[in-house]
Amino acid sequence: MDSEKTIDRIIIGSDHAGFQLKEAIKEYLADMALAVTDVGTCNAEPADYPDFGVMVAEKVSSGEFERGILVCGSGVGMTIIANKFPGIRAVLCLDEETARLSRLHNNTNILVLAGRRTDKVTAETIIGTWLKTAFEGGRHQRRLDKISKMETKLYK
C-alpha cells in the first residue's frame, strides 16, 4: 500500500470557518517535511469558500500540484467546488477509514476537512492516512477511467 511515490509539496486553502484548523494542520504538514503552499484565507474574517476552493482545485487540476487540502466549516461547500474541475476527485473525510478508502479505491487528490467538526488530532490522523495510502489500481482504475471519459465529454 505504501509503494506509491511520496509527495514533497502540497497546496492548502480554507475559508474563515476552516482558518483555525488550516493553520494547525500546516504545522503538521511541515513536520512531515512537506512544502506547504497556502492560498488563504489569512484570518478568521468572513470569506467565501469558492474563492479558495477554486485556487486549490485549479492548481491540482492543471497538474501543478499532485494533491491539495481544503477546509471550510462543514467541508461540503469546498467538496462541491473542487469537484467541478476536470481530474479532481475531492473527498470530505470525517474519519480515517474514509480517508484510507478514498485513496485506495478512488485515488482522491483533494482532501476536504470540516473545520467545525474536526479537531486537530483527528485531522492529523486523517491527513496522515490520506497521504500514506497508495491507490490500489486494478478494477478501481477501470472505474476512474469511466469518470475521466465522462469528464472529457463534459469539458470539450
Protein backbone atom coordinates (compact mmCIF):
# COMPACT_ATOMS: atom_id res chain seq x y z
CA MET A 1 0.00 0.00 0.00
CA ASP A 2 2.92 2.38 0.54
CA SER A 3 4.52 1.73 -2.85
CA GLU A 4 3.26 4.94 -4.43
CA LYS A 5 5.84 7.71 -4.68
CA THR A 6 5.59 10.18 -1.88
CA ILE A 7 4.81 13.81 -2.49
CA ASP A 8 7.07 16.59 -1.29
CA ARG A 9 4.69 19.54 -1.51
CA ILE A 10 1.01 20.28 -1.11
CA ILE A 11 -1.37 23.19 -1.66
CA ILE A 12 -3.89 24.16 1.00
CA GLY A 13 -6.72 26.65 1.37
CA SER A 14 -9.64 27.48 3.62
CA ASP A 15 -12.41 29.95 4.24
CA HIS A 16 -12.88 31.71 7.59
CA ALA A 17 -14.59 28.72 9.20
CA GLY A 18 -11.65 26.50 8.33
CA PHE A 19 -8.91 29.00 9.08
CA GLN A 20 -8.02 27.80 12.58
CA LEU A 21 -7.80 24.13 11.55
CA LYS A 22 -5.85 25.03 8.41
CA GLU A 23 -3.25 26.86 10.47
CA ALA A 24 -2.94 23.90 12.85
CA ILE A 25 -2.50 21.33 10.08
CA LYS A 26 0.08 23.44 8.26
CA GLU A 27 2.42 22.75 11.20
CA TYR A 28 1.71 19.02 10.95
CA LEU A 29 2.41 19.04 7.19
CA ALA A 30 5.67 20.92 7.74
CA ASP A 31 6.65 18.35 10.37
CA MET A 32 6.13 15.71 7.66
CA ALA A 33 8.71 17.61 5.56
CA LEU A 34 6.11 18.80 3.05
CA ALA A 35 6.46 22.21 1.44
CA VAL A 36 3.09 23.86 2.01
CA THR A 37 1.64 26.46 -0.35
CA ASP A 38 -1.16 28.30 1.45
CA VAL A 39 -3.57 30.22 -0.82
CA GLY A 40 -5.54 31.67 2.10
CA THR A 41 -7.62 32.87 3.75
CA CYS A 42 -5.23 34.68 6.06
CA ASN A 43 -7.54 35.24 9.03
CA ALA A 44 -10.93 34.39 10.53
CA GLU A 45 -12.76 37.32 8.87
CA PRO A 46 -15.72 36.20 6.71
CA ALA A 47 -14.53 34.88 3.35
CA ASP A 48 -16.25 32.99 0.53
CA TYR A 49 -15.20 29.34 0.29
CA PRO A 50 -15.44 29.16 -3.55
CA ASP A 51 -12.62 31.72 -3.88
CA PHE A 52 -10.16 29.47 -2.07
CA GLY A 53 -11.56 26.17 -3.35
CA VAL A 54 -11.05 27.36 -6.92
CA MET A 55 -7.41 28.30 -6.30
CA VAL A 56 -6.55 24.87 -4.92
CA ALA A 57 -8.63 22.87 -7.41
CA GLU A 58 -7.20 24.75 -10.42
CA LYS A 59 -3.62 24.03 -9.32
CA VAL A 60 -4.32 20.33 -8.77
CA SER A 61 -6.42 20.01 -11.94
CA SER A 62 -3.62 21.57 -14.03
CA GLY A 63 -1.03 19.22 -12.55
CA GLU A 64 0.93 21.98 -10.83
CA PHE A 65 0.31 20.12 -7.55
CA GLU A 66 -0.42 16.42 -7.16
CA ARG A 67 -2.62 16.91 -4.12
CA GLY A 68 -4.37 19.58 -2.10
CA ILE A 69 -6.25 20.10 1.14
CA LEU A 70 -9.29 22.33 1.62
CA VAL A 71 -11.03 23.29 4.86
CA CYS A 72 -14.37 25.02 5.40
CA GLY A 73 -16.96 24.85 8.17
CA SER A 74 -18.81 21.70 7.08
CA GLY A 75 -16.48 20.61 4.27
CA VAL A 76 -19.45 20.36 1.93
CA GLY A 77 -19.00 23.63 0.04
CA MET A 78 -15.31 23.02 -0.65
CA THR A 79 -16.06 19.49 -1.85
CA ILE A 80 -18.68 20.77 -4.28
CA ILE A 81 -16.50 23.49 -5.78
CA ALA A 82 -13.39 21.31 -6.07
CA ASN A 83 -15.24 18.53 -7.86
CA LYS A 84 -16.29 20.95 -10.62
CA PHE A 85 -12.75 20.77 -12.06
CA PRO A 86 -11.58 18.11 -14.53
CA GLY A 87 -9.49 15.39 -12.98
CA ILE A 88 -10.36 16.36 -9.43
CA ARG A 89 -11.50 13.68 -7.06
CA ALA A 90 -12.15 15.61 -3.84
CA VAL A 91 -13.42 13.84 -0.76
CA LEU A 92 -14.83 15.12 2.50
CA CYS A 93 -13.33 12.97 5.26
CA LEU A 94 -14.58 12.92 8.81
CA ASP A 95 -12.69 9.77 9.77
CA GLU A 96 -9.55 7.79 8.99
CA GLU A 97 -11.30 4.90 7.23
CA THR A 98 -12.91 7.20 4.67
CA ALA A 99 -9.51 8.77 4.00
CA ARG A 100 -7.90 5.36 3.52
CA LEU A 101 -10.61 4.05 1.20
CA SER A 102 -10.76 7.29 -0.78
CA ARG A 103 -7.10 6.88 -1.73
CA LEU A 104 -7.12 3.10 -2.07
CA HIS A 105 -10.21 2.90 -4.30
CA ASN A 106 -10.75 6.40 -5.72
CA ASN A 107 -7.23 7.88 -5.95
CA THR A 108 -8.52 11.12 -4.43
CA ASN A 109 -6.32 14.14 -4.97
CA ILE A 110 -8.00 16.75 -2.77
CA LEU A 111 -8.80 16.10 0.87
CA VAL A 112 -11.55 18.23 2.38
CA LEU A 113 -11.91 18.69 6.12
CA ALA A 114 -14.75 20.15 8.18
CA GLY A 115 -13.32 22.90 10.35
CA ARG A 116 -16.34 22.97 12.66
CA ARG A 117 -16.45 19.19 13.14
CA THR A 118 -12.84 18.05 13.09
CA ASP A 119 -10.34 18.58 15.88
CA LYS A 120 -6.60 18.88 15.25
CA VAL A 121 -5.71 15.34 16.37
CA THR A 122 -8.40 13.77 14.20
CA ALA A 123 -7.36 15.95 11.25
CA GLU A 124 -3.75 14.83 11.63
CA THR A 125 -4.81 11.17 11.70
CA ILE A 126 -6.96 11.64 8.59
CA ILE A 127 -4.21 13.53 6.75
CA GLY A 128 -1.50 11.04 7.68
CA THR A 129 -3.58 8.15 6.40
CA TRP A 130 -4.61 10.02 3.26
CA LEU A 131 -1.03 10.94 2.40
CA LYS A 132 0.41 7.49 3.08
CA THR A 133 -2.21 5.35 1.34
CA ALA A 134 -1.47 4.46 -2.27
CA PHE A 135 -4.05 3.92 -4.98
CA GLU A 136 -4.77 0.21 -5.46
CA GLY A 137 -5.46 0.42 -9.20
CA GLY A 138 -6.91 -2.68 -10.87
CA ARG A 139 -10.69 -2.68 -11.01
CA HIS A 140 -10.69 0.76 -9.41
CA GLN A 141 -8.69 2.23 -12.32
CA ARG A 142 -11.36 0.99 -14.74
CA ARG A 143 -13.94 2.97 -12.79
CA LEU A 144 -11.82 6.12 -12.71
CA ASP A 145 -11.29 5.75 -16.47
CA LYS A 146 -15.06 5.88 -16.91
CA ILE A 147 -15.18 9.12 -14.92
CA SER A 148 -12.34 10.59 -16.99
CA LYS A 149 -14.18 9.66 -20.20
CA MET A 150 -17.30 11.41 -18.93
CA GLU A 151 -15.27 14.49 -17.98
CA THR A 152 -13.76 14.60 -21.47
CA LYS A 153 -17.27 14.83 -22.93
CA LEU A 154 -18.35 17.49 -20.42
CA TYR A 155 -15.30 19.72 -20.71
CA LYS A 156 -14.84 19.77 -24.50
